[in-house]
Amino acid sequence: MPGEKTIRISLGLYTAVVIAFFIYLPIAVIYVYSFNDIPFFIPEWRGFTLKWFIQGFSRKDVISSLINSLYVASLTTSISMALAIPSAFYVVRGRGKIKDAYMLYLIIPFIIPWIIIGISLYIFYWFAGIQKSLHTAILAHITYTIPLIITLVAPRLYSMNPDLENASMDLGATPIQTFRYVVFPQLYPAIVSAAIVAFVWSFDNFIISYYTLGAESTWPVWVFSVREIGRIFPVVMAVSSVIVTVSMIIITIIVRKGYVEIV
């Protein structure tokens, strides 16, 4: 019907405009001001420069915050994946009241605001006498990342035919061989996607990190700490543009190699 076609086109245009305005335009602004020879964020172009990149990657606090973010995100993703993938099998194929309680555990991190999780963990560490550090932040990230990974991997498991696994073991394959040659080839796109989402979420997280870190700073926490220093903004934009560029390159390579599926 013509009316339905008009509605679809209108909704498509609206979505494209909203995404372009609220996502791609701000990223474009970051790139422009990364090369703008002006120390303040004002609508004026004063010439091309690379000094903000040089200053950014010459600062020890910037390098330290980036290394901390990479460390936290890498360890969070590794531990969470190791714990979440077996849990996803249990969620899909398990039975009983324990599964119901576990499903409740998975839902809670999604319905409780992050600031409450951060404050609660801050109080918990204080009462338990645990010194806050990068590792306490990692533990905090894991509490949210495990449910996140399970919700991404479980749908893929639901779509898999368990008869293929039974046939594999009937033909003499061990459980490890069955997982390697039958389950993993079907599951790895979801695993790679979940790992990417978990890593990016942990790297980019501010609220939970802010309340669970010690003296160290991750990249988002460092950016927040210098938000009132106007001359730092070009440095922040320069480093951010590098992060965006590297992320886009990595995602492009992963997609082209076929490690994830784009519907």
Protein backbone atom coordinates (compact mmCIF):
# COMPACT_ATOMS: atom_id res chain seq x y z
CA MET A 1 0.00 0.00 0.00
CA PRO A 2 1.25 3.53 -0.78
CA GLY A 3 0.58 4.66 2.76
CA GLU A 4 2.71 1.89 4.27
CA LYS A 5 5.54 2.62 1.84
CA THR A 6 5.47 6.31 2.77
CA ILE A 7 5.58 5.43 6.46
CA ARG A 8 8.55 3.09 5.95
CA ILE A 9 10.45 5.70 3.96
CA SER A 10 9.66 8.41 6.53
CA LEU A 11 10.77 6.24 9.43
CA GLY A 12 13.94 5.28 7.56
CA LEU A 13 14.80 8.90 6.85
CA TYR A 14 14.04 9.89 10.43
CA THR A 15 16.30 7.14 11.78
CA ALA A 16 19.10 8.08 9.38
CA VAL A 17 18.87 11.77 10.32
CA VAL A 18 18.83 11.05 14.06
CA ILE A 19 21.82 8.69 13.82
CA ALA A 20 23.74 11.15 11.64
CA PHE A 21 23.00 14.10 13.92
CA PHE A 22 23.59 12.49 17.30
CA ILE A 23 26.36 10.01 16.45
CA TYR A 24 28.27 10.83 13.28
CA LEU A 25 28.15 14.62 13.51
CA PRO A 26 29.73 14.70 17.01
CA ILE A 27 32.43 12.30 15.80
CA ALA A 28 33.08 14.56 12.82
CA VAL A 29 33.40 17.53 15.18
CA ILE A 30 35.98 15.60 17.22
CA TYR A 31 38.05 14.95 14.09
CA VAL A 32 37.86 18.59 12.96
CA TYR A 33 38.93 20.04 16.30
CA SER A 34 41.69 17.44 16.66
CA PHE A 35 43.46 19.24 13.81
CA ASN A 36 42.31 22.79 14.62
CA ASP A 37 45.09 25.06 15.90
CA ILE A 38 43.02 26.57 18.69
CA PRO A 39 43.20 25.70 22.42
CA PHE A 40 39.51 26.29 23.10
CA PHE A 41 36.29 24.78 21.84
CA ILE A 42 34.87 27.70 19.85
CA PRO A 43 33.46 27.75 16.28
CA GLU A 44 36.58 29.09 14.63
CA TRP A 45 39.23 27.55 12.38
CA ARG A 46 42.80 28.78 12.93
CA GLY A 47 44.73 26.37 10.78
CA PHE A 48 45.84 22.76 10.55
CA THR A 49 48.06 21.31 13.28
CA LEU A 50 49.21 18.01 14.72
CA LYS A 51 50.39 19.43 18.03
CA TRP A 52 47.38 18.14 19.98
CA PHE A 53 48.24 14.58 19.01
CA ILE A 54 51.88 15.14 19.98
CA GLN A 55 50.90 16.71 23.30
CA GLY A 56 48.34 14.00 24.03
CA PHE A 57 50.63 11.06 23.50
CA SER A 58 53.46 12.85 25.30
CA ARG A 59 51.48 13.13 28.54
CA LYS A 60 52.17 10.38 31.03
CA ASP A 61 48.69 10.66 32.56
CA VAL A 62 47.05 10.12 29.16
CA ILE A 63 49.21 7.09 28.34
CA SER A 64 48.68 5.68 31.82
CA SER A 65 44.89 6.06 31.61
CA LEU A 66 44.79 4.38 28.19
CA ILE A 67 46.95 1.48 29.38
CA ASN A 68 44.75 1.10 32.46
CA SER A 69 41.61 1.06 30.32
CA LEU A 70 43.09 -1.57 28.00
CA TYR A 71 44.18 -3.66 30.98
CA VAL A 72 40.80 -3.46 32.71
CA ALA A 73 38.85 -4.15 29.52
CA SER A 74 41.10 -7.05 28.45
CA LEU A 75 41.01 -8.80 31.81
CA THR A 76 37.29 -8.15 32.26
CA THR A 77 36.51 -9.58 28.84
CA SER A 78 38.73 -12.65 29.27
CA ILE A 79 37.38 -13.61 32.69
CA SER A 80 33.79 -12.82 31.77
CA MET A 81 33.93 -14.86 28.57
CA ALA A 82 35.40 -17.85 30.44
CA LEU A 83 32.57 -17.72 32.98
CA ALA A 84 29.70 -16.58 30.77
CA ILE A 85 29.94 -19.11 27.91
CA PRO A 86 29.40 -22.19 30.14
CA SER A 87 26.68 -20.22 31.95
CA ALA A 88 24.96 -19.54 28.63
CA PHE A 89 24.74 -23.31 28.05
CA TYR A 90 23.15 -23.69 31.46
CA VAL A 91 20.67 -20.89 30.78
CA VAL A 92 19.61 -22.49 27.50
CA ARG A 93 19.59 -26.14 28.51
CA GLY A 94 19.39 -26.16 32.29
CA ARG A 95 16.31 -26.95 34.33
CA GLY A 96 15.10 -26.43 37.89
CA LYS A 97 14.74 -23.72 40.51
CA ILE A 98 18.45 -22.92 40.52
CA LYS A 99 18.14 -21.84 36.90
CA ASP A 100 15.24 -19.53 37.82
CA ALA A 101 17.35 -17.90 40.54
CA TYR A 102 20.25 -17.54 38.11
CA MET A 103 17.99 -15.91 35.53
CA LEU A 104 17.04 -13.37 38.20
CA TYR A 105 20.73 -12.66 38.75
CA LEU A 106 21.12 -12.00 35.03
CA ILE A 107 18.23 -9.53 34.96
CA ILE A 108 19.18 -7.44 38.01
CA PRO A 109 22.25 -5.68 36.49
CA PHE A 110 20.10 -4.48 33.58
CA ILE A 111 17.35 -2.94 35.70
CA ILE A 112 19.49 -1.33 38.42
CA PRO A 113 21.06 2.02 37.41
CA TRP A 114 24.83 1.88 37.06
CA ILE A 115 25.33 4.64 39.61
CA ILE A 116 23.59 2.51 42.25
CA ILE A 117 25.81 -0.45 41.35
CA GLY A 118 28.88 1.79 41.57
CA ILE A 119 27.92 3.32 44.92
CA SER A 120 26.92 -0.08 46.34
CA LEU A 121 30.28 -1.57 45.40
CA TYR A 122 32.08 1.47 46.78
CA ILE A 123 30.34 0.96 50.14
CA PHE A 124 30.93 -2.79 50.02
CA TYR A 125 34.66 -2.40 49.44
CA TRP A 126 34.83 0.16 52.23
CA PHE A 127 33.06 -2.10 54.75
CA ALA A 128 35.08 -5.13 53.69
CA GLY A 129 38.32 -3.19 54.03
CA ILE A 130 39.29 -3.88 50.44
CA GLN A 131 41.71 -1.37 48.97
CA LYS A 132 40.32 -0.06 45.70
CA SER A 133 42.48 -0.57 42.62
CA LEU A 134 42.25 -1.59 38.99
CA HIS A 135 41.37 -5.10 40.13
CA THR A 136 38.40 -3.98 42.21
CA ALA A 137 37.17 -2.15 39.11
CA ILE A 138 37.63 -5.33 37.10
CA LEU A 139 35.55 -7.30 39.60
CA ALA A 140 32.86 -4.63 39.38
CA HIS A 141 32.87 -4.75 35.58
CA ILE A 142 32.59 -8.53 35.59
CA THR A 143 29.36 -8.40 37.61
CA TYR A 144 27.72 -6.63 34.69
CA THR A 145 29.66 -8.10 31.78
CA ILE A 146 28.78 -11.74 32.49
CA PRO A 147 25.01 -11.16 32.12
CA LEU A 148 25.71 -9.02 29.05
CA ILE A 149 27.68 -11.78 27.34
CA ILE A 150 25.10 -14.43 28.23
CA THR A 151 22.30 -12.39 26.69
CA LEU A 152 24.33 -12.16 23.46
CA VAL A 153 25.44 -15.80 23.29
CA ALA A 154 22.27 -17.54 24.53
CA PRO A 155 20.08 -16.67 21.49
CA ARG A 156 22.67 -18.30 19.23
CA LEU A 157 22.58 -21.41 21.40
CA TYR A 158 18.78 -21.49 21.24
CA SER A 159 18.98 -21.58 17.42
CA MET A 160 21.43 -24.51 17.38
CA ASN A 161 20.22 -28.07 16.89
CA PRO A 162 21.35 -30.24 19.86
CA ASP A 163 20.90 -33.37 17.72
CA LEU A 164 24.12 -32.47 15.91
CA GLU A 165 26.03 -32.67 19.20
CA ASN A 166 24.37 -35.96 20.10
CA ALA A 167 25.24 -37.39 16.69
CA SER A 168 28.84 -36.26 17.09
CA MET A 169 29.22 -38.05 20.43
CA ASP A 170 27.36 -41.12 19.13
CA LEU A 171 30.01 -41.32 16.42
CA GLY A 172 32.78 -41.41 19.05
CA ALA A 173 33.74 -37.76 19.50
CA THR A 174 34.61 -36.59 22.99
CA PRO A 175 32.75 -33.62 24.53
CA ILE A 176 35.79 -31.42 23.85
CA GLN A 177 35.96 -32.56 20.22
CA THR A 178 32.22 -32.01 19.85
CA PHE A 179 32.52 -28.48 21.16
CA ARG A 180 35.54 -27.73 18.97
CA TYR A 181 34.27 -29.14 15.67
CA VAL A 182 30.47 -28.93 15.99
CA VAL A 183 29.44 -26.30 18.54
CA PHE A 184 32.18 -23.69 18.24
CA PRO A 185 31.93 -23.15 14.44
CA GLN A 186 28.25 -22.33 14.90
CA LEU A 187 28.78 -20.30 18.06
CA TYR A 188 31.91 -18.27 17.30
CA PRO A 189 30.16 -15.31 15.57
CA ALA A 190 28.15 -14.74 18.75
CA ILE A 191 31.27 -15.25 20.89
CA VAL A 192 33.28 -12.70 18.90
CA SER A 193 30.39 -10.22 18.96
CA ALA A 194 29.96 -10.66 22.71
CA ALA A 195 33.69 -10.20 23.30
CA ILE A 196 33.72 -6.96 21.28
CA VAL A 197 30.69 -5.56 23.11
CA ALA A 198 32.11 -6.55 26.52
CA PHE A 199 35.52 -5.03 25.75
CA VAL A 200 34.08 -1.76 24.45
CA TRP A 201 31.65 -1.49 27.38
CA SER A 202 34.42 -2.04 29.93
CA PHE A 203 36.87 0.29 28.17
CA ASP A 204 34.27 3.04 27.92
CA ASN A 205 32.60 2.63 31.31
CA PHE A 206 32.79 5.64 33.58
CA ILE A 207 30.18 5.41 36.34
CA ILE A 208 31.13 2.04 37.82
CA SER A 209 34.84 2.67 37.26
CA TYR A 210 34.67 6.04 39.00
CA TYR A 211 33.42 4.48 42.25
CA THR A 212 35.53 1.32 42.22
CA LEU A 213 38.95 2.56 41.10
CA GLY A 214 41.70 3.53 43.49
CA ALA A 215 44.35 6.13 42.75
CA GLU A 216 44.61 5.00 39.13
CA SER A 217 42.45 6.39 36.35
CA THR A 218 41.03 4.80 33.26
CA TRP A 219 40.55 6.89 30.12
CA PRO A 220 36.88 7.89 30.83
CA VAL A 221 37.70 8.77 34.45
CA TRP A 222 40.71 10.84 33.38
CA VAL A 223 38.61 12.75 30.84
CA PHE A 224 36.07 13.52 33.56
CA SER A 225 38.81 14.70 35.92
CA VAL A 226 40.07 17.32 33.41
CA ARG A 227 36.65 18.42 32.12
CA GLU A 228 36.98 21.93 33.59
CA ILE A 229 40.42 22.61 32.12
CA GLY A 230 39.61 24.24 28.78
CA ARG A 231 43.03 23.84 27.20
CA ILE A 232 42.92 20.07 27.68
CA PHE A 233 39.92 19.61 25.38
CA PRO A 234 41.92 19.61 22.11
CA VAL A 235 44.15 16.91 23.59
CA VAL A 236 41.09 14.88 24.60
CA MET A 237 39.65 15.22 21.11
CA ALA A 238 42.93 14.25 19.44
CA VAL A 239 43.31 11.10 21.53
CA SER A 240 39.61 10.31 21.13
CA SER A 241 39.89 10.56 17.34
CA VAL A 242 42.74 8.05 17.43
CA ILE A 243 40.65 5.69 19.58
CA VAL A 244 37.70 5.98 17.18
CA THR A 245 39.93 5.40 14.14
CA VAL A 246 41.63 2.34 15.63
CA SER A 247 38.26 0.92 16.72
CA MET A 248 36.80 1.39 13.24
CA ILE A 249 39.79 -0.30 11.62
CA ILE A 250 39.61 -3.29 13.98
CA ILE A 251 35.85 -3.70 13.52
CA THR A 252 36.21 -3.44 9.74
CA ILE A 253 38.87 -6.15 9.71
CA ILE A 254 36.80 -8.42 11.95
CA VAL A 255 33.71 -8.02 9.77
CA ARG A 256 35.63 -8.53 6.51
CA LYS A 257 37.27 -11.65 7.87
CA GLY A 258 33.82 -13.03 8.65
CA TYR A 259 34.33 -13.36 12.38
CA VAL A 260 30.97 -11.70 13.02
CA GLU A 261 27.77 -11.71 11.04
CA ILE A 262 26.13 -8.48 9.93
CA VAL A 263 22.45 -9.04 9.20
